[in-house]
């Protein structure tokens, strides 16, 4: 995952995959999911990001997953 922030427009982008986005699904005002042809989520865009999340901690998050969860295949 890669994280991009453009302070000139206050937009945050979480790149979840290197696949080219083919569509967009707005899940809330200013929060969009970029999707690939197979409808998998490849990115998340957050507009007016500083009003929606604490940007000072965006790069400090950690994620702990159980190895059983990582090895599961999603149906």
Protein backbone atom coordinates (compact mmCIF):
# COMPACT_ATOMS: atom_id res chain seq x y z
CA UNK A 1 0.00 0.00 0.00
CA UNK A 2 1.17 3.49 -0.84
CA UNK A 3 -0.15 6.71 0.67
CA UNK A 4 -0.21 10.03 -1.16
CA UNK A 5 -1.31 13.40 0.20
CA UNK A 6 -1.68 16.57 -1.86
CA UNK A 7 -1.92 19.51 0.52
CA UNK A 8 -2.73 21.98 -2.27
CA UNK A 9 -6.14 20.30 -2.68
CA UNK A 10 -6.32 18.50 0.70
CA UNK A 11 -6.70 15.07 -0.91
CA UNK A 12 -5.43 11.75 0.44
CA UNK A 13 -5.05 8.67 -1.74
CA UNK A 14 -4.43 5.14 -0.49
CA UNK A 15 -3.14 2.99 -3.34
CA UNK A 16 -4.02 -0.62 -2.58
CA UNK A 17 -2.97 -2.17 -5.88
CA UNK A 18 -0.97 -1.28 -8.97
CA UNK A 19 -3.95 -2.19 -11.19
CA UNK A 20 -5.37 0.64 -13.26
CA UNK A 21 -8.66 1.97 -11.87
CA UNK A 22 -11.60 1.39 -14.23
CA UNK A 23 -14.41 2.80 -12.11
CA UNK A 24 -15.30 4.79 -9.01
CA UNK A 25 -17.81 4.14 -6.24
CA UNK A 26 -18.63 7.05 -3.93
CA UNK A 27 -19.28 5.62 -0.45
CA UNK A 28 -19.68 8.97 1.31
CA UNK A 29 -19.37 12.60 0.30
CA UNK A 30 -15.76 13.01 -0.78
CA UNK A 31 -14.80 9.38 -0.11
CA UNK A 32 -14.37 7.30 -3.25
CA UNK A 33 -13.30 3.73 -3.94
CA UNK A 34 -11.40 3.17 -7.18
CA UNK A 35 -12.19 -0.21 -8.66
CA UNK A 36 -10.63 -2.45 -11.33
CA UNK A 37 -12.50 -4.26 -14.12
CA UNK A 38 -13.21 -7.19 -11.78
CA UNK A 39 -14.69 -4.78 -9.17
CA UNK A 40 -11.77 -5.25 -6.77
CA UNK A 41 -10.87 -2.12 -4.81
CA UNK A 42 -7.54 -0.70 -6.01
CA UNK A 43 -7.55 2.65 -4.20
CA UNK A 44 -9.32 4.95 -1.78
CA UNK A 45 -9.56 8.71 -2.33
CA UNK A 46 -10.49 11.06 0.50
CA UNK A 47 -11.24 14.67 -0.43
CA UNK A 48 -11.08 17.38 2.25
CA UNK A 49 -8.98 14.81 4.08
CA UNK A 50 -7.85 17.08 6.91
CA UNK A 51 -11.51 17.56 7.88
CA UNK A 52 -12.23 13.81 7.89
CA UNK A 53 -9.14 12.22 9.49
CA UNK A 54 -6.19 13.17 11.67
CA UNK A 55 -3.44 13.62 9.07
CA UNK A 56 -0.73 13.85 11.73
CA UNK A 57 -1.10 10.13 12.40
CA UNK A 58 -1.81 8.80 8.90
CA UNK A 59 1.76 7.55 8.47
CA UNK A 60 1.95 6.13 12.00
CA UNK A 61 -0.70 3.43 11.73
CA UNK A 62 0.25 -0.18 12.21
CA UNK A 63 -1.62 -3.29 11.24
CA UNK A 64 -1.39 -6.63 12.99
CA UNK A 65 -3.04 -9.59 11.33
CA UNK A 66 -3.23 -13.17 12.45
CA UNK A 67 -1.31 -15.40 10.00
CA UNK A 68 -4.44 -17.53 9.56
CA UNK A 69 -6.28 -14.47 8.29
CA UNK A 70 -3.55 -13.63 5.80
CA UNK A 71 -3.52 -17.16 4.38
CA UNK A 72 -7.32 -17.38 3.92
CA UNK A 73 -8.64 -17.09 0.39
CA UNK A 74 -11.58 -14.76 -0.07
CA UNK A 75 -14.49 -16.46 -1.83
